[in-house]
């Protein structure tokens, strides 16, 4: 019985992988970015596994009834691997969007899930981040002082996330040839939607990356890599945040990105369009949604670039010694 069950699972996994492969190929032909193809592929695979666990059979066709039950499962039962809490609406919508895409590309004559099924997110959101600069600096220091040879690497990553506003995927995709410490510039070659941009970096980032590079002895094209020179996995960094974040602090790679936006506005050195360009927002409204929720940030003179003043209009860097 065990052998029969094992063989059955093997063939079911094989069929699922073949379907996922077809889905990824169609997304590629449809012009989807590498990141979207990977995320959507994993989300649909997750749905297939839920289906098998729930009904004890492989999913051969999409049914609206199953989609609605899966949506209920995501809202009420599924927990976040990072926080242990219920999934937030954006995460649920991302997983449903993957199924919408799968439905349109693989079963176009059987549309059972659409954008109407996405969870409505209120425009009046809670403040995107309530972490202070003091908390961010404490977190950075904890990461720096952690044991192991990866401390300087992780410290450089955290510093880039907090003071350049990159997405975690963008940070881990940085190649050594993408960053120029002498000119204080960083190229994001594969941003969201495969859009490239140049990001101005301050001396906190320059110092952290320079110290990391000085001790890095591994041959790799990637700035941040493992001991084998392979590009660092996002799961590794999520683990660093989980282990290093002090109790009561809500610090994640994404909240550091929001921290960057709030503090960039508070200095008065950047305009909203400039911040949008730095962060790779396709719409200025996204930037305004992040920054406008805390009106105090426009008057509080918190020192994001404490050791460096950036004039984006001329692309010149003026270092300030304090």
Protein backbone atom coordinates (compact mmCIF):
# COMPACT_ATOMS: atom_id res chain seq x y z
CA UNK A 1 0.00 0.00 0.00
CA UNK A 2 2.83 2.39 0.89
CA UNK A 3 4.57 1.72 -2.46
CA UNK A 4 1.35 2.32 -4.41
CA UNK A 5 0.69 5.56 -2.51
CA UNK A 6 4.28 6.74 -3.11
CA UNK A 7 3.98 6.01 -6.85
CA UNK A 8 0.66 7.86 -6.95
CA UNK A 9 2.19 10.95 -5.30
CA UNK A 10 5.13 10.79 -7.71
CA UNK A 11 2.92 10.89 -10.80
CA UNK A 12 0.71 13.59 -9.30
CA UNK A 13 3.76 15.76 -8.59
CA UNK A 14 4.99 15.11 -12.13
CA UNK A 15 1.68 16.23 -13.65
CA UNK A 16 1.62 19.31 -11.43
CA UNK A 17 5.18 20.28 -12.40
CA UNK A 18 4.35 19.86 -16.09
CA UNK A 19 1.31 22.15 -15.74
CA UNK A 20 3.35 24.73 -13.83
CA UNK A 21 6.00 24.60 -16.56
CA UNK A 22 3.36 25.27 -19.22
CA UNK A 23 2.02 28.15 -17.14
CA UNK A 24 5.47 29.71 -16.77
CA UNK A 25 6.13 29.41 -20.50
CA UNK A 26 2.85 31.14 -21.33
CA UNK A 27 3.59 33.92 -18.82
CA UNK A 28 6.99 34.44 -20.46
CA UNK A 29 5.36 34.71 -23.88
CA UNK A 30 2.80 37.08 -22.35
CA UNK A 31 5.63 39.43 -21.30
CA UNK A 32 5.54 38.84 -17.54
CA UNK A 33 8.69 39.71 -15.56
CA UNK A 34 10.98 36.99 -14.16
CA UNK A 35 9.91 37.87 -10.64
CA UNK A 36 6.19 37.63 -11.49
CA UNK A 37 6.68 34.31 -13.28
CA UNK A 38 8.43 32.85 -10.23
CA UNK A 39 5.93 34.21 -7.67
CA UNK A 40 2.84 33.26 -9.67
CA UNK A 41 4.24 29.79 -10.40
CA UNK A 42 4.81 29.15 -6.69
CA UNK A 43 1.35 30.51 -5.79
CA UNK A 44 -0.43 28.21 -8.25
CA UNK A 45 1.67 25.28 -7.02
CA UNK A 46 0.53 26.18 -3.49
CA UNK A 47 -3.10 26.07 -4.67
CA UNK A 48 -2.57 22.62 -6.20
CA UNK A 49 -1.14 21.32 -2.93
CA UNK A 50 -4.04 22.78 -0.94
CA UNK A 51 -6.43 21.14 -3.40
CA UNK A 52 -4.75 17.74 -2.95
CA UNK A 53 -4.76 18.07 0.85
CA UNK A 54 -8.40 19.13 0.87
CA UNK A 55 -9.95 16.73 -1.66
CA UNK A 56 -7.39 13.90 -1.85
CA UNK A 57 -7.13 14.17 -5.63
CA UNK A 58 -5.18 16.21 -8.15
CA UNK A 59 -6.62 19.39 -9.61
CA UNK A 60 -7.52 18.76 -13.27
CA UNK A 61 -9.79 21.77 -13.78
CA UNK A 62 -10.61 25.03 -12.00
CA UNK A 63 -14.01 25.30 -10.37
CA UNK A 64 -15.34 28.49 -8.85
CA UNK A 65 -16.55 26.64 -5.77
CA UNK A 66 -13.00 25.48 -5.03
CA UNK A 67 -11.58 28.95 -5.63
CA UNK A 68 -14.01 30.48 -3.13
CA UNK A 69 -13.13 27.85 -0.52
CA UNK A 70 -9.44 28.51 -1.11
CA UNK A 71 -10.01 32.25 -0.70
CA UNK A 72 -11.74 31.55 2.63
CA UNK A 73 -8.80 29.34 3.66
CA UNK A 74 -6.33 32.15 2.87
CA UNK A 75 -8.38 34.70 4.82
CA UNK A 76 -9.19 32.64 7.91
CA UNK A 77 -6.77 29.73 8.32
CA UNK A 78 -3.50 30.22 6.43
CA UNK A 79 -0.78 31.85 8.56
CA UNK A 80 2.21 33.91 7.50
CA UNK A 81 5.46 31.94 7.78
CA UNK A 82 7.27 35.12 8.85
CA UNK A 83 4.96 36.57 11.51
CA UNK A 84 2.66 33.67 12.36
CA UNK A 85 -0.35 35.98 11.88
CA UNK A 86 -3.17 35.79 9.35
CA UNK A 87 -2.23 36.77 5.81
CA UNK A 88 -2.71 40.45 4.97
CA UNK A 89 -5.06 41.42 2.11
CA UNK A 90 -2.21 42.26 -0.28
CA UNK A 91 -0.69 38.79 0.14
CA UNK A 92 -4.06 37.13 -0.42
CA UNK A 93 -4.65 39.26 -3.52
CA UNK A 94 -1.24 38.29 -4.86
CA UNK A 95 -2.11 34.59 -4.58
CA UNK A 96 -5.53 35.15 -6.15
CA UNK A 97 -3.96 37.20 -8.95
CA UNK A 98 -1.77 34.21 -9.76
CA UNK A 99 -4.87 32.04 -10.11
CA UNK A 100 -6.55 34.71 -12.26
CA UNK A 101 -3.52 34.70 -14.56
CA UNK A 102 -3.45 30.89 -14.62
CA UNK A 103 -7.16 30.78 -15.45
CA UNK A 104 -6.77 33.28 -18.32
CA UNK A 105 -3.71 31.60 -19.86
CA UNK A 106 -4.39 27.89 -19.28
CA UNK A 107 -8.21 27.71 -19.21
CA UNK A 108 -9.39 30.79 -21.20
CA UNK A 109 -12.72 29.12 -22.02
CA UNK A 110 -13.46 28.41 -18.36
CA UNK A 111 -13.12 31.72 -16.50
CA UNK A 112 -14.07 31.07 -12.87
CA UNK A 113 -11.98 33.69 -11.03
CA UNK A 114 -11.44 37.35 -11.89
CA UNK A 115 -10.35 40.67 -10.42
CA UNK A 116 -13.80 41.01 -8.88
CA UNK A 117 -12.72 38.29 -6.43
CA UNK A 118 -9.81 40.32 -5.07
CA UNK A 119 -10.18 41.69 -1.56
CA UNK A 120 -10.97 45.39 -1.49
CA UNK A 121 -8.29 47.31 0.38
CA UNK A 122 -9.37 50.57 1.95
CA UNK A 123 -7.57 53.66 0.75
CA UNK A 124 -7.33 54.88 4.34
CA UNK A 125 -4.60 52.55 5.52
CA UNK A 126 -2.96 52.52 8.89
CA UNK A 127 0.45 54.19 9.02
CA UNK A 128 2.78 52.07 6.86
CA UNK A 129 5.49 52.11 9.48
CA UNK A 130 5.72 53.24 13.07
CA UNK A 131 9.37 52.35 13.53
CA UNK A 132 11.69 55.17 14.50
CA UNK A 133 15.21 55.92 13.34
CA UNK A 134 16.48 54.97 16.79
CA UNK A 135 14.87 51.53 16.47
CA UNK A 136 16.30 51.08 12.97
CA UNK A 137 19.79 51.99 14.19
CA UNK A 138 19.48 49.59 17.13
CA UNK A 139 18.42 46.82 14.75
CA UNK A 140 21.34 47.53 12.40
CA UNK A 141 23.77 47.33 15.31
CA UNK A 142 22.32 44.01 16.49
CA UNK A 143 22.80 42.60 12.98
CA UNK A 144 26.39 43.90 12.86
CA UNK A 145 27.25 42.38 16.24
CA UNK A 146 25.69 38.99 15.49
CA UNK A 147 27.96 35.96 15.40
CA UNK A 148 29.19 34.44 12.17
CA UNK A 149 31.06 35.48 9.05
CA UNK A 150 27.85 36.76 7.40
CA UNK A 151 27.36 39.65 9.86
CA UNK A 152 29.00 42.31 7.67
CA UNK A 153 27.08 41.07 4.62
CA UNK A 154 23.75 41.17 6.45
CA UNK A 155 24.58 44.59 7.91
CA UNK A 156 25.21 45.95 4.40
CA UNK A 157 21.89 44.51 3.19
CA UNK A 158 19.93 46.02 6.09
CA UNK A 159 21.63 49.39 5.54
CA UNK A 160 20.70 49.42 1.84
CA UNK A 161 17.09 48.54 2.62
CA UNK A 162 16.81 51.28 5.25
CA UNK A 163 18.71 54.06 3.48
CA UNK A 164 18.16 53.41 -0.23
CA UNK A 165 14.58 52.13 -0.14
CA UNK A 166 15.15 49.08 -2.33
CA UNK A 167 12.81 46.13 -2.42
CA UNK A 168 14.40 43.02 -0.92
CA UNK A 169 14.34 41.28 -4.33
CA UNK A 170 16.10 44.28 -5.91
CA UNK A 171 18.74 44.30 -3.19
CA UNK A 172 19.56 40.62 -3.61
CA UNK A 173 19.73 41.04 -7.40
CA UNK A 174 22.56 43.60 -7.20
CA UNK A 175 25.64 42.53 -9.12
CA UNK A 176 29.08 43.79 -8.12
CA UNK A 177 29.19 45.74 -11.38
CA UNK A 178 25.95 47.56 -10.49
CA UNK A 179 27.34 49.63 -7.61
CA UNK A 180 29.87 52.47 -7.75
CA UNK A 181 30.95 53.57 -4.27
CA UNK A 182 33.10 56.41 -5.66
CA UNK A 183 30.13 58.13 -7.34
CA UNK A 184 27.58 57.12 -4.68
CA UNK A 185 25.36 55.43 -7.25
CA UNK A 186 23.65 52.08 -7.45
CA UNK A 187 22.01 50.63 -10.54
CA UNK A 188 18.83 48.62 -10.02
CA UNK A 189 18.93 46.62 -13.23
CA UNK A 190 15.91 44.40 -12.62
CA UNK A 191 13.33 46.39 -10.69
CA UNK A 192 9.62 45.70 -10.46
CA UNK A 193 8.25 45.24 -13.95
CA UNK A 194 11.84 44.79 -15.17
CA UNK A 195 12.41 48.56 -15.01
CA UNK A 196 15.96 49.80 -14.45
CA UNK A 197 16.84 52.91 -12.43
CA UNK A 198 19.78 54.67 -10.78
CA UNK A 199 19.61 55.13 -7.01
CA UNK A 200 21.71 57.65 -5.08
CA UNK A 201 23.30 56.11 -1.98
CA UNK A 202 24.63 57.90 1.10
CA UNK A 203 27.82 57.32 3.02
CA UNK A 204 26.20 54.92 5.50
CA UNK A 205 25.67 52.53 2.60
CA UNK A 206 29.08 53.24 1.08
CA UNK A 207 30.84 52.45 4.37
CA UNK A 208 28.82 49.31 5.06
CA UNK A 209 29.34 47.89 1.55
CA UNK A 210 33.03 48.81 1.49
CA UNK A 211 33.69 47.01 4.79
CA UNK A 212 31.77 43.98 3.58
CA UNK A 213 33.68 43.86 0.27
CA UNK A 214 36.97 44.16 2.14
CA UNK A 215 36.30 40.89 3.99
CA UNK A 216 34.49 39.05 1.18
CA UNK A 217 36.81 36.41 -0.26
CA UNK A 218 34.28 34.48 -2.39
CA UNK A 219 34.31 34.71 -6.20
CA UNK A 220 30.84 35.74 -7.39
CA UNK A 221 29.12 38.09 -9.80
CA UNK A 222 26.55 38.86 -7.09
CA UNK A 223 27.20 41.49 -4.44
CA UNK A 224 25.35 39.43 -1.84
CA UNK A 225 25.93 35.70 -2.10
CA UNK A 226 26.31 32.53 -0.08
CA UNK A 227 29.55 30.65 0.60
CA UNK A 228 29.33 28.99 -2.83
CA UNK A 229 29.05 32.31 -4.66
CA UNK A 230 25.37 31.80 -5.47
CA UNK A 231 22.88 34.65 -5.24
CA UNK A 232 21.51 34.95 -1.73
CA UNK A 233 18.04 33.52 -1.13
CA UNK A 234 15.36 35.81 0.29
CA UNK A 235 14.49 33.18 2.89
CA UNK A 236 17.98 33.61 4.38
CA UNK A 237 17.41 37.33 4.94
CA UNK A 238 13.91 36.81 6.33
CA UNK A 239 15.54 34.51 8.89
CA UNK A 240 18.08 37.23 9.78
CA UNK A 241 15.26 39.68 10.44
CA UNK A 242 13.35 37.17 12.54
CA UNK A 243 16.36 36.30 14.70
CA UNK A 244 17.73 39.85 15.06
CA UNK A 245 14.59 41.94 15.45
CA UNK A 246 14.12 42.96 19.12
CA UNK A 247 10.89 41.92 20.80
CA UNK A 248 8.15 44.47 20.19
CA UNK A 249 9.79 45.88 17.06
CA UNK A 250 7.97 45.55 13.74
CA UNK A 251 10.96 45.55 11.40
CA UNK A 252 10.82 43.66 8.10
CA UNK A 253 12.49 44.30 4.74
CA UNK A 254 9.32 46.03 3.57
CA UNK A 255 8.87 48.24 6.64
CA UNK A 256 12.47 49.44 6.14
CA UNK A 257 11.45 50.50 2.62
CA UNK A 258 8.59 52.52 4.07
CA UNK A 259 10.93 53.91 6.72
CA UNK A 260 13.14 55.20 3.91
CA UNK A 261 10.21 57.02 2.27
CA UNK A 262 9.02 58.66 5.48
CA UNK A 263 12.48 59.82 6.43
CA UNK A 264 13.34 60.99 2.93
CA UNK A 265 10.36 63.34 3.10
CA UNK A 266 11.15 64.48 6.64
CA UNK A 267 14.54 65.86 5.58
CA UNK A 268 12.96 68.18 3.05
CA UNK A 269 15.81 67.37 0.65
CA UNK A 270 13.70 65.23 -1.69
CA UNK A 271 10.48 66.06 -3.48
CA UNK A 272 7.78 63.40 -3.77
CA UNK A 273 8.60 62.76 -7.48
CA UNK A 274 12.29 62.33 -6.58
CA UNK A 275 11.44 59.81 -3.86
CA UNK A 276 9.15 57.97 -6.29
CA UNK A 277 12.05 57.75 -8.74
CA UNK A 278 14.45 56.50 -6.07
CA UNK A 279 12.00 53.82 -4.92
CA UNK A 280 10.94 52.73 -8.40
CA UNK A 281 7.27 53.57 -7.98
CA UNK A 282 5.42 53.55 -11.31
CA UNK A 283 2.85 55.94 -9.87
CA UNK A 284 3.53 58.95 -7.68
CA UNK A 285 0.28 58.13 -5.84
CA UNK A 286 1.96 55.09 -4.28
CA UNK A 287 4.66 57.31 -2.78
CA UNK A 288 2.08 59.81 -1.54
CA UNK A 289 0.06 57.02 0.09
CA UNK A 290 3.14 55.99 2.08
CA UNK A 291 4.30 59.46 3.09
CA UNK A 292 1.07 61.43 3.57
CA UNK A 293 -0.25 59.33 6.44
CA UNK A 294 2.09 60.97 8.92
CA UNK A 295 1.74 64.72 8.53
CA UNK A 296 4.41 65.24 11.15
CA UNK A 297 7.03 63.84 8.82
CA UNK A 298 6.96 67.07 6.80
CA UNK A 299 8.05 69.17 9.77
CA UNK A 300 10.17 66.73 11.78
CA UNK A 301 13.78 67.16 10.68
CA UNK A 302 14.98 63.61 11.19
CA UNK A 303 18.39 63.02 9.65
CA UNK A 304 18.08 60.27 7.06
CA UNK A 305 21.25 61.26 5.27
CA UNK A 306 23.04 62.28 8.43
CA UNK A 307 26.40 61.94 6.81
CA UNK A 308 25.50 62.93 3.27
CA UNK A 309 23.38 65.51 1.44
CA UNK A 310 22.09 64.53 -1.98
CA UNK A 311 20.99 66.95 -4.68
CA UNK A 312 19.07 64.75 -7.12
CA UNK A 313 18.44 67.56 -9.59
CA UNK A 314 22.16 67.82 -10.36
CA UNK A 315 23.10 64.24 -9.38
CA UNK A 316 25.89 65.68 -7.19
CA UNK A 317 26.81 64.42 -3.75
CA UNK A 318 27.78 66.83 -0.99
CA UNK A 319 29.27 65.05 2.00
CA UNK A 320 28.65 66.60 5.38
CA UNK A 321 30.99 65.86 8.23
CA UNK A 322 29.31 65.79 11.65
